[in-house]
N, C-alpha and C. Protein backbone atom coordinates (compact mmCIF):
# COMPACT_ATOMS: atom_id res chain seq x y z
N MET A 1 56.75 6.79 143.29
CA MET A 1 55.16 6.79 143.59
C MET A 1 54.60 6.28 142.66
N ILE A 2 53.82 5.41 142.91
CA ILE A 2 52.40 4.82 142.04
C ILE A 2 51.38 5.28 141.39
N ASP A 3 51.05 5.28 140.58
CA ASP A 3 50.56 5.77 139.75
C ASP A 3 49.16 4.93 140.28
N SER A 4 48.58 5.84 140.32
CA SER A 4 46.73 5.36 140.62
C SER A 4 45.72 6.07 140.22
N ARG A 5 44.56 5.77 140.28
CA ARG A 5 42.90 6.39 139.89
C ARG A 5 43.31 7.65 140.81
N ARG A 6 43.82 7.46 141.80
CA ARG A 6 43.30 8.53 142.96
C ARG A 6 44.42 9.74 142.41
N LYS A 7 45.47 9.38 142.03
CA LYS A 7 46.39 10.52 141.42
C LYS A 7 46.23 11.22 140.37
N PHE A 8 45.18 10.72 139.25
CA PHE A 8 45.25 10.54 138.56
C PHE A 8 43.75 11.82 138.47
N LEU A 9 43.05 11.87 139.53
CA LEU A 9 41.72 12.32 139.39
C LEU A 9 42.30 14.04 140.10
N LYS A 10 43.35 13.64 141.08
CA LYS A 10 43.71 14.89 141.65
C LYS A 10 44.51 15.88 140.28
N THR A 11 45.47 15.46 139.43
CA THR A 11 46.11 15.81 138.83
C THR A 11 44.59 16.73 137.64
N LEU A 12 43.79 15.66 137.26
CA LEU A 12 42.67 16.28 136.63
C LEU A 12 41.91 17.50 137.00
N ALA A 13 41.83 17.18 138.83
CA ALA A 13 40.94 18.45 139.15
C ALA A 13 41.79 19.63 139.49
N VAL A 14 43.20 19.46 139.47
CA VAL A 14 44.34 20.83 139.41
C VAL A 14 43.61 21.44 138.04
N GLY A 15 44.32 20.95 136.72
CA GLY A 15 44.11 21.01 135.54
C GLY A 15 42.89 22.15 135.42
N ILE A 16 41.71 21.09 135.98
CA ILE A 16 40.36 21.99 135.14
C ILE A 16 39.92 23.39 136.43
N ILE A 17 41.15 23.17 137.67
CA ILE A 17 40.34 24.48 138.20
C ILE A 17 41.31 25.41 137.69
N GLY A 18 42.75 25.15 137.44
CA GLY A 18 43.61 26.15 137.14
C GLY A 18 43.13 26.42 135.79
N GLY A 19 42.71 25.42 134.87
CA GLY A 19 42.21 26.97 133.65
C GLY A 19 40.92 27.06 134.21
N GLU A 20 40.11 27.10 135.07
CA GLU A 20 38.46 28.01 134.98
C GLU A 20 39.26 29.18 135.70
N VAL A 21 40.28 29.28 136.37
CA VAL A 21 41.13 30.66 137.11
C VAL A 21 41.60 30.78 135.98
N ILE A 22 42.69 30.24 135.59
CA ILE A 22 42.89 31.28 133.72
C ILE A 22 42.25 31.70 132.79
N SER A 23 41.52 31.10 132.78
CA SER A 23 40.05 32.06 131.59
C SER A 23 39.17 33.17 131.86
N ALA A 24 39.43 32.86 133.70
CA ALA A 24 38.42 34.07 134.31
C ALA A 24 39.27 35.34 134.47
N LEU A 25 40.43 35.02 134.16
CA LEU A 25 41.15 36.25 133.97
C LEU A 25 40.97 36.89 133.07
N PRO A 26 41.53 38.59 133.06
CA PRO A 26 40.65 39.48 131.48
C PRO A 26 42.34 39.24 130.66
N VAL A 27 41.96 39.49 129.67
CA VAL A 27 42.73 38.62 128.20
C VAL A 27 44.59 39.81 128.09
N THR A 28 44.37 40.88 128.84
CA THR A 28 44.80 42.05 129.30
C THR A 28 45.76 41.86 130.59
N SER A 29 45.51 41.07 131.17
CA SER A 29 46.71 40.57 131.85
C SER A 29 47.90 39.62 131.76
N PHE A 30 47.78 39.47 130.41
CA PHE A 30 48.49 38.90 129.68
C PHE A 30 49.45 39.23 129.01
N ALA A 31 49.09 40.68 128.20
CA ALA A 31 49.26 41.50 127.47
C ALA A 31 50.41 42.53 128.55
N LYS A 32 51.74 42.17 127.85
CA LYS A 32 52.81 43.27 128.29
C LYS A 32 52.48 44.79 128.21
N ASN A 33 53.52 45.30 129.05
CA ASN A 33 52.99 46.42 129.01
C ASN A 33 54.25 47.23 128.32
N TYR A 34 54.36 48.57 128.00
CA TYR A 34 55.13 48.76 127.51
C TYR A 34 55.05 50.32 127.59
N ASP A 35 55.00 51.04 128.87
CA ASP A 35 54.31 52.50 128.92
C ASP A 35 56.26 53.38 129.21
N LYS A 36 56.63 51.79 129.43
CA LYS A 36 58.49 52.33 129.50
C LYS A 36 59.16 52.22 128.73
N GLY A 37 58.68 51.58 127.26
CA GLY A 37 59.30 51.29 126.64
C GLY A 37 60.22 50.00 126.68
N ILE A 38 60.89 49.25 125.68
CA ILE A 38 61.79 48.66 125.24
C ILE A 38 63.17 48.42 125.67
N GLU A 39 63.45 47.20 126.57
CA GLU A 39 65.06 47.32 127.21
C GLU A 39 65.33 46.57 126.03
N ILE A 40 66.73 46.90 125.03
CA ILE A 40 67.32 46.58 124.29
C ILE A 40 68.70 45.78 124.75
N GLN A 41 69.02 46.17 125.93
CA GLN A 41 70.25 46.08 126.53
C GLN A 41 69.59 46.45 127.86
N LYS A 42 70.99 46.14 128.81
CA LYS A 42 70.42 46.48 130.33
C LYS A 42 70.62 48.17 129.80
N GLY A 43 69.89 48.88 130.28
CA GLY A 43 69.90 50.59 131.03
C GLY A 43 70.24 51.24 129.30
N TYR A 44 69.94 49.66 127.95
CA TYR A 44 69.18 50.79 126.51
C TYR A 44 67.87 50.33 126.01
N ILE A 45 67.52 51.62 126.67
CA ILE A 45 65.70 51.65 125.87
C ILE A 45 65.21 52.27 124.96
N VAL A 46 64.69 51.52 124.35
CA VAL A 46 63.55 51.98 122.84
C VAL A 46 62.47 52.36 123.47
N PHE A 47 61.98 53.19 122.34
CA PHE A 47 60.19 53.63 122.73
C PHE A 47 59.84 54.14 123.73
N ASN A 48 60.65 54.86 124.84
CA ASN A 48 60.21 55.84 125.82
C ASN A 48 58.58 56.13 125.49
N GLU A 49 57.96 56.57 126.52
CA GLU A 49 56.94 56.94 126.61
C GLU A 49 57.05 58.18 125.33
N ASN A 50 57.54 59.39 125.42
CA ASN A 50 57.71 60.65 124.17
C ASN A 50 57.74 59.51 122.54
N THR A 51 58.35 59.31 122.69
CA THR A 51 59.22 58.02 121.11
C THR A 51 57.80 57.20 121.01
N GLN A 52 56.89 56.89 121.68
CA GLN A 52 55.54 55.86 121.75
C GLN A 52 54.45 57.10 120.78
N LYS A 53 54.28 58.66 121.40
CA LYS A 53 53.22 59.27 120.87
C LYS A 53 54.32 59.91 119.62
N VAL A 54 55.36 60.01 119.52
CA VAL A 54 55.34 59.87 118.29
C VAL A 54 55.21 58.86 117.51
N MET A 55 55.46 58.34 117.67
CA MET A 55 55.55 57.12 116.53
C MET A 55 53.33 57.11 115.96
N GLU A 56 52.70 57.09 117.03
CA GLU A 56 50.89 57.34 117.24
C GLU A 56 51.22 58.47 115.89
N ALA A 57 51.39 59.75 115.85
CA ALA A 57 51.61 60.76 115.35
C ALA A 57 51.91 60.66 114.16
N LEU A 58 52.78 59.89 114.50
CA LEU A 58 53.22 59.44 112.86
C LEU A 58 52.36 58.90 112.04
N ALA A 59 52.02 57.55 112.44
CA ALA A 59 51.77 56.44 112.48
C ALA A 59 50.01 57.10 111.68
N GLU A 60 49.27 58.55 112.72
CA GLU A 60 48.32 59.06 112.15
C GLU A 60 48.76 59.82 111.31
N ALA A 61 49.56 59.97 110.91
CA ALA A 61 49.74 61.46 109.56
C ALA A 61 50.19 60.26 108.45
N LEU A 62 50.50 59.45 108.73
CA LEU A 62 50.82 58.81 107.28
C LEU A 62 49.82 57.54 107.16
N VAL A 63 48.72 57.35 108.13
CA VAL A 63 47.05 56.49 107.57
C VAL A 63 46.52 57.05 108.64
N PRO A 64 45.73 57.92 108.01
CA PRO A 64 44.67 58.46 109.35
C PRO A 64 43.68 57.43 109.89
N GLY A 65 43.43 57.79 110.26
CA GLY A 65 42.16 56.58 111.32
C GLY A 65 43.23 55.66 111.82
N SER A 66 44.77 55.85 111.96
CA SER A 66 45.00 54.16 113.04
C SER A 66 45.04 54.69 114.30
N ARG A 67 44.59 55.35 114.71
CA ARG A 67 44.84 54.97 116.20
C ARG A 67 44.10 54.52 116.65
N GLU A 68 42.34 54.68 115.67
CA GLU A 68 41.35 53.49 116.21
C GLU A 68 41.73 52.21 116.30
N ILE A 69 42.44 52.05 115.38
CA ILE A 69 42.63 50.43 116.05
C ILE A 69 44.27 50.59 116.72
N ASN A 70 44.24 51.46 117.54
CA ASN A 70 45.35 51.05 118.80
C ASN A 70 46.73 50.56 117.79
N ILE A 71 47.35 51.35 116.69
CA ILE A 71 48.24 51.03 116.20
C ILE A 71 49.50 50.89 116.85
N LYS A 72 49.84 51.87 117.87
CA LYS A 72 50.41 52.19 118.76
C LYS A 72 51.06 50.54 119.38
N ASP A 73 49.82 49.76 120.03
CA ASP A 73 50.01 48.78 120.98
C ASP A 73 50.95 47.24 119.70
N LYS A 74 50.12 47.67 118.21
CA LYS A 74 50.58 46.86 117.33
C LYS A 74 52.09 47.03 117.02
N VAL A 75 52.33 48.37 116.95
CA VAL A 75 53.60 48.36 116.42
C VAL A 75 54.32 48.02 118.05
N MET A 76 54.54 48.64 118.91
CA MET A 76 55.26 47.98 120.15
C MET A 76 55.31 46.23 120.12
N SER A 77 54.09 45.69 120.26
CA SER A 77 54.24 44.30 119.94
C SER A 77 55.15 44.09 118.76
N TYR A 78 55.10 43.90 117.24
CA TYR A 78 56.24 44.05 117.08
C TYR A 78 57.58 44.23 116.93
N VAL A 79 57.73 45.66 117.55
CA VAL A 79 59.28 45.53 117.07
C VAL A 79 59.67 45.32 118.99
N ASP A 80 58.89 44.76 119.86
CA ASP A 80 59.61 43.48 120.83
C ASP A 80 60.31 42.34 120.07
N ARG A 81 59.44 41.99 119.11
CA ARG A 81 59.96 40.73 118.42
C ARG A 81 61.30 41.15 117.37
N ASP A 82 61.07 42.05 117.19
CA ASP A 82 62.35 42.52 116.14
C ASP A 82 63.06 43.17 116.68
N ARG A 83 64.30 43.40 117.37
CA ARG A 83 64.83 44.32 118.32
C ARG A 83 65.55 45.47 117.30
N THR A 84 66.27 44.73 116.43
CA THR A 84 67.12 45.16 114.62
C THR A 84 66.02 46.68 114.49
N THR A 85 64.87 45.97 114.59
CA THR A 85 63.77 47.50 113.69
C THR A 85 63.45 48.39 114.71
N ALA A 86 63.22 47.79 115.69
CA ALA A 86 62.91 49.00 117.46
C ALA A 86 64.00 49.81 116.94
N THR A 87 65.28 50.17 116.74
CA THR A 87 66.57 50.32 117.20
C THR A 87 66.28 51.32 116.00
N TYR A 88 66.11 50.78 114.97
CA TYR A 88 65.95 52.01 113.67
C TYR A 88 64.56 53.05 113.62
N PHE A 89 63.63 52.65 113.57
CA PHE A 89 62.42 53.06 114.25
C PHE A 89 62.45 53.84 114.98
N ASP A 90 63.11 53.78 116.68
CA ASP A 90 63.58 54.87 117.41
C ASP A 90 64.03 55.85 116.99
N THR A 91 65.28 55.12 116.28
CA THR A 91 66.07 56.24 115.65
C THR A 91 64.92 57.35 114.60
N LEU A 92 64.31 56.79 113.70
CA LEU A 92 63.35 57.91 112.92
C LEU A 92 62.57 58.49 114.15
N MET A 93 62.40 58.25 114.51
CA MET A 93 61.29 58.83 115.97
C MET A 93 62.41 59.51 116.34
N TRP A 94 63.28 59.59 116.84
CA TRP A 94 63.90 60.64 117.31
C TRP A 94 64.57 61.91 116.31
N THR A 95 64.42 61.60 115.20
CA THR A 95 64.58 62.46 114.40
C THR A 95 63.89 63.51 113.93
N ILE A 96 62.62 62.97 113.79
CA ILE A 96 61.52 63.90 113.59
C ILE A 96 61.57 64.70 114.91
N GLU A 97 61.46 63.94 116.13
CA GLU A 97 60.96 65.01 117.38
C GLU A 97 61.77 66.32 116.81
N THR A 98 63.17 65.97 116.75
CA THR A 98 64.09 66.61 116.92
C THR A 98 64.08 67.39 115.54
N HIS A 99 63.72 67.53 114.91
CA HIS A 99 63.31 68.32 113.70
C HIS A 99 62.37 68.91 113.90
N SER A 100 60.69 68.59 114.79
CA SER A 100 60.11 69.19 115.22
C SER A 100 60.54 70.64 116.20
N ARG A 101 60.90 69.70 117.23
CA ARG A 101 61.77 71.13 118.15
C ARG A 101 62.19 72.01 117.40
N THR A 102 63.21 71.37 116.78
CA THR A 102 64.03 72.84 116.11
C THR A 102 62.85 73.32 115.07
N ARG A 103 62.73 73.30 114.45
CA ARG A 103 61.96 73.72 113.43
C ARG A 103 60.43 74.87 114.49
N TYR A 104 59.69 73.92 115.07
CA TYR A 104 58.33 74.83 115.22
C TYR A 104 58.04 74.70 117.20
N LYS A 105 59.19 74.85 117.69
CA LYS A 105 59.92 74.44 119.37
C LYS A 105 58.81 73.65 120.19
N LYS A 106 57.97 72.36 119.47
CA LYS A 106 57.15 71.86 120.19
C LYS A 106 57.55 70.54 119.63
N HIS A 107 57.01 69.60 120.33
CA HIS A 107 56.83 67.96 119.95
C HIS A 107 56.00 67.55 118.61
N PHE A 108 56.09 66.51 118.16
CA PHE A 108 55.61 66.27 116.86
C PHE A 108 54.35 65.94 117.23
N TYR A 109 53.56 65.34 118.12
CA TYR A 109 52.80 65.02 118.44
C TYR A 109 51.51 66.21 119.13
N GLU A 110 52.38 67.16 119.22
CA GLU A 110 51.44 68.41 119.65
C GLU A 110 50.73 69.75 118.77
N ILE A 111 51.52 69.16 117.36
CA ILE A 111 51.46 70.10 116.50
C ILE A 111 50.31 69.79 115.44
N LYS A 112 49.46 70.25 115.24
CA LYS A 112 47.77 70.20 114.92
C LYS A 112 47.41 70.39 113.45
N ASP A 113 48.87 71.58 113.16
CA ASP A 113 48.65 72.25 111.54
C ASP A 113 49.08 71.01 111.09
N LYS A 114 48.30 70.85 109.78
CA LYS A 114 48.27 69.61 108.35
C LYS A 114 49.87 70.15 107.86
N GLU A 115 50.32 71.10 107.42
CA GLU A 115 50.94 71.68 106.38
C GLU A 115 51.84 71.74 107.94
N ASN A 116 51.98 72.06 108.47
CA ASN A 116 52.96 71.74 109.16
C ASN A 116 53.69 70.14 109.25
N ILE A 117 52.84 69.42 109.63
CA ILE A 117 52.79 68.14 109.77
C ILE A 117 53.35 67.75 108.60
N ASN A 118 52.65 67.59 107.31
CA ASN A 118 53.57 67.37 106.07
C ASN A 118 55.33 67.75 105.88
N THR A 119 55.15 68.95 106.25
CA THR A 119 56.55 69.71 106.31
C THR A 119 57.14 68.21 106.57
N LEU A 120 57.39 68.05 108.41
CA LEU A 120 57.95 67.07 108.46
C LEU A 120 58.44 65.75 108.46
N VAL A 121 57.06 65.37 107.91
CA VAL A 121 57.13 64.05 107.01
C VAL A 121 58.28 64.04 105.94
N GLU A 122 57.99 65.53 104.95
CA GLU A 122 58.60 65.23 103.96
C GLU A 122 60.36 64.94 103.80
N LEU A 123 60.27 65.63 105.26
CA LEU A 123 61.87 66.05 106.02
C LEU A 123 62.76 64.62 105.77
N VAL A 124 61.52 64.34 106.82
CA VAL A 124 62.18 62.93 107.42
C VAL A 124 62.45 61.78 106.53
N GLN A 125 61.46 61.91 105.27
CA GLN A 125 60.99 60.63 104.18
C GLN A 125 62.83 61.14 103.25
N VAL A 126 63.20 62.37 102.95
CA VAL A 126 64.01 62.35 102.38
C VAL A 126 64.98 62.34 102.70
N LYS A 127 65.05 62.67 104.82
CA LYS A 127 66.76 62.75 105.17
C LYS A 127 67.14 60.89 105.72
N SER A 128 65.97 59.95 106.06
CA SER A 128 66.03 59.05 106.40
C SER A 128 64.97 58.14 105.20
N ALA A 129 65.46 58.06 104.61
CA ALA A 129 64.28 57.10 103.82
C ALA A 129 64.16 55.55 103.53
N ARG A 130 64.99 54.81 103.80
CA ARG A 130 65.48 53.49 103.77
C ARG A 130 64.48 53.78 105.70
N SER A 131 64.60 53.88 106.52
CA SER A 131 63.88 53.65 108.21
C SER A 131 62.31 53.80 107.72
N PHE A 132 62.33 55.23 107.07
CA PHE A 132 60.82 55.86 106.95
C PHE A 132 59.12 54.95 105.85
N ASN A 133 60.04 54.92 104.64
CA ASN A 133 59.95 53.69 104.22
C ASN A 133 59.75 52.33 104.63
N GLN A 134 60.17 51.59 105.28
CA GLN A 134 59.95 50.51 106.42
C GLN A 134 58.48 50.57 107.55
N PHE A 135 59.13 52.34 108.40
CA PHE A 135 57.54 52.20 108.56
C PHE A 135 56.35 52.58 108.33
N ARG A 136 56.71 53.06 106.93
CA ARG A 136 55.24 53.28 106.42
C ARG A 136 54.78 52.05 105.88
N TYR A 137 55.68 50.87 105.25
CA TYR A 137 55.51 49.92 105.22
C TYR A 137 54.65 48.94 106.08
N LEU A 138 55.05 48.79 107.35
CA LEU A 138 54.08 48.37 108.57
C LEU A 138 53.19 49.18 108.96
N ILE A 139 53.05 49.86 108.66
CA ILE A 139 51.73 51.07 109.59
C ILE A 139 50.63 50.49 108.15
N ILE A 140 51.00 50.43 107.20
CA ILE A 140 50.03 50.33 106.06
C ILE A 140 49.52 48.62 105.90
N ARG A 141 51.00 48.38 106.77
CA ARG A 141 50.07 46.86 106.60
C ARG A 141 49.62 46.53 107.93
N LEU A 142 49.61 46.31 108.94
CA LEU A 142 48.96 46.96 110.32
C LEU A 142 47.89 47.11 110.34
N TYR A 143 47.67 48.61 109.56
CA TYR A 143 45.81 48.87 109.56
C TYR A 143 45.34 48.20 108.82
N TYR A 144 45.45 47.81 107.81
CA TYR A 144 44.87 46.60 106.58
C TYR A 144 44.78 45.36 107.09
N SER A 145 45.73 45.05 108.20
CA SER A 145 45.07 43.80 108.50
C SER A 145 43.88 43.21 109.41
N ASP A 146 43.49 44.54 109.85
CA ASP A 146 42.55 44.97 111.15
C ASP A 146 41.12 44.38 110.71
N PRO A 147 40.56 43.14 111.39
CA PRO A 147 39.27 43.17 110.93
C PRO A 147 38.47 44.22 111.19
N LYS A 148 38.46 45.67 111.93
CA LYS A 148 37.88 46.63 112.10
C LYS A 148 38.10 47.47 110.63
N VAL A 149 38.86 47.57 110.32
CA VAL A 149 39.02 48.13 108.97
C VAL A 149 38.41 47.12 107.27
N TRP A 150 38.42 46.29 107.80
CA TRP A 150 37.70 44.98 106.79
C TRP A 150 36.54 45.49 106.82
N ASN A 151 35.83 45.57 107.77
CA ASN A 151 34.39 46.28 107.88
C ASN A 151 34.09 47.49 106.65
N LYS A 152 35.40 48.69 107.46
CA LYS A 152 34.44 50.04 107.04
C LYS A 152 34.91 49.89 105.43
N LEU A 153 35.64 48.65 104.67
CA LEU A 153 36.03 48.57 102.95
C LEU A 153 35.03 47.53 102.59
N SER A 154 34.04 46.56 103.86
CA SER A 154 33.18 45.67 103.04
C SER A 154 34.08 44.62 102.53
N TYR A 155 34.89 44.32 103.30
CA TYR A 155 35.76 43.27 102.87
C TYR A 155 35.50 42.24 104.23
N ASN A 156 35.40 41.06 104.18
CA ASN A 156 35.04 40.15 104.63
C ASN A 156 35.72 39.00 105.59
N GLY A 157 37.44 39.55 104.94
CA GLY A 157 38.00 39.17 105.89
C GLY A 157 38.45 37.48 104.57
N PRO A 158 39.16 36.62 104.50
CA PRO A 158 39.94 35.66 103.71
C PRO A 158 38.52 34.68 103.85
N PRO A 159 38.52 34.36 102.63
CA PRO A 159 37.15 33.71 102.14
C PRO A 159 37.30 32.19 103.38
N GLN A 160 36.34 32.16 103.78
CA GLN A 160 35.49 31.29 104.78
C GLN A 160 34.63 30.08 104.09
N THR A 161 34.63 29.22 104.83
CA THR A 161 33.52 27.69 103.90
C THR A 161 32.60 27.90 104.69
N LYS A 162 31.28 27.87 103.50
CA LYS A 162 30.11 27.87 104.16
C LYS A 162 30.09 27.30 105.68
N GLY A 163 29.71 28.29 106.77
CA GLY A 163 28.85 27.60 107.73
C GLY A 163 30.27 27.65 109.26
N PHE A 164 31.08 28.20 108.38
CA PHE A 164 31.83 28.82 109.56
C PHE A 164 31.46 30.65 109.42
N MET A 165 31.69 30.66 110.57
CA MET A 165 31.85 32.74 111.12
C MET A 165 33.45 32.96 110.50
N ASP A 166 32.66 34.74 110.39
CA ASP A 166 33.90 35.27 110.18
C ASP A 166 34.88 36.03 111.29
N TYR A 167 35.67 36.39 110.72
CA TYR A 167 37.20 36.89 111.98
C TYR A 167 36.46 37.51 112.69
N SER A 168 35.60 38.71 112.05
CA SER A 168 35.84 40.20 113.10
C SER A 168 34.43 40.07 113.93
N GLU A 169 33.53 39.25 113.70
CA GLU A 169 32.23 39.40 114.42
C GLU A 169 32.56 38.10 115.08
N PRO A 170 31.04 38.46 116.24
CA PRO A 170 30.72 36.84 116.85
C PRO A 170 29.84 36.21 116.53
N PRO A 171 29.53 34.92 116.52
CA PRO A 171 28.69 34.05 115.86
C PRO A 171 27.58 34.53 115.97
N LYS A 172 26.23 34.34 115.87
CA LYS A 172 25.34 34.94 115.72
C LYS A 172 24.46 33.76 115.96
N GLN A 173 23.59 33.94 116.54
CA GLN A 173 22.72 33.13 116.70
C GLN A 173 21.26 32.87 115.82
N VAL A 174 21.56 31.84 115.19
CA VAL A 174 19.54 31.82 114.39
C VAL A 174 18.53 31.20 114.77
N THR A 175 17.61 31.27 114.56
CA THR A 175 16.33 31.35 115.44
C THR A 175 15.41 30.63 113.80
N LYS A 176 15.60 29.41 114.05
CA LYS A 176 15.08 28.95 112.88
C LYS A 176 12.71 28.51 112.87
N SER A 177 12.74 28.62 111.80
CA SER A 177 11.48 28.82 111.98
C SER A 177 11.10 27.78 110.74
N ARG A 178 10.07 27.28 111.67
CA ARG A 178 8.97 26.31 110.86
C ARG A 178 7.98 26.34 110.13
N ASN A 179 8.55 26.36 108.84
CA ASN A 179 6.94 26.28 107.96
C ASN A 179 6.29 25.28 107.45
N LYS A 180 4.75 24.91 108.69
CA LYS A 180 4.04 23.93 107.93
C LYS A 180 3.03 24.44 106.92
């Protein structure tokens, strides 16, 4: 087929219309859904619904306020990219869940008493020290890298050149006053 002006215009129109359609979709339509977990191999799923609840409760115990920044989705996105770490963290969650069910006959995420939560966290910290320390490091790193937390700490984010907006806030409308 010979390249022509008509073909170019058709291609351009399809690109513009397609771009408009895609940009009109909500951002969440492109996000992965981790409700059923992550399939490492065919038939081997880590971070099922129960484990995700345990992970979120453990993150909240380590860094209070982590639920507010939706730490569950951040961790799930991280472990989806690093499958080896996903299996270690999944094992850690099952360990704390097993101790919780053995001692208190409840799921870890159902325990409300801070003393019982701290007892389980300390127990798992000793039994699975390496995995626990890696998980704690990840939670702290994800928590303090969120712009909502930056605002709480009165930190404006990475240095910005004058005239560029802050990462955490939308641009503000400036009204110019004329002094005469």
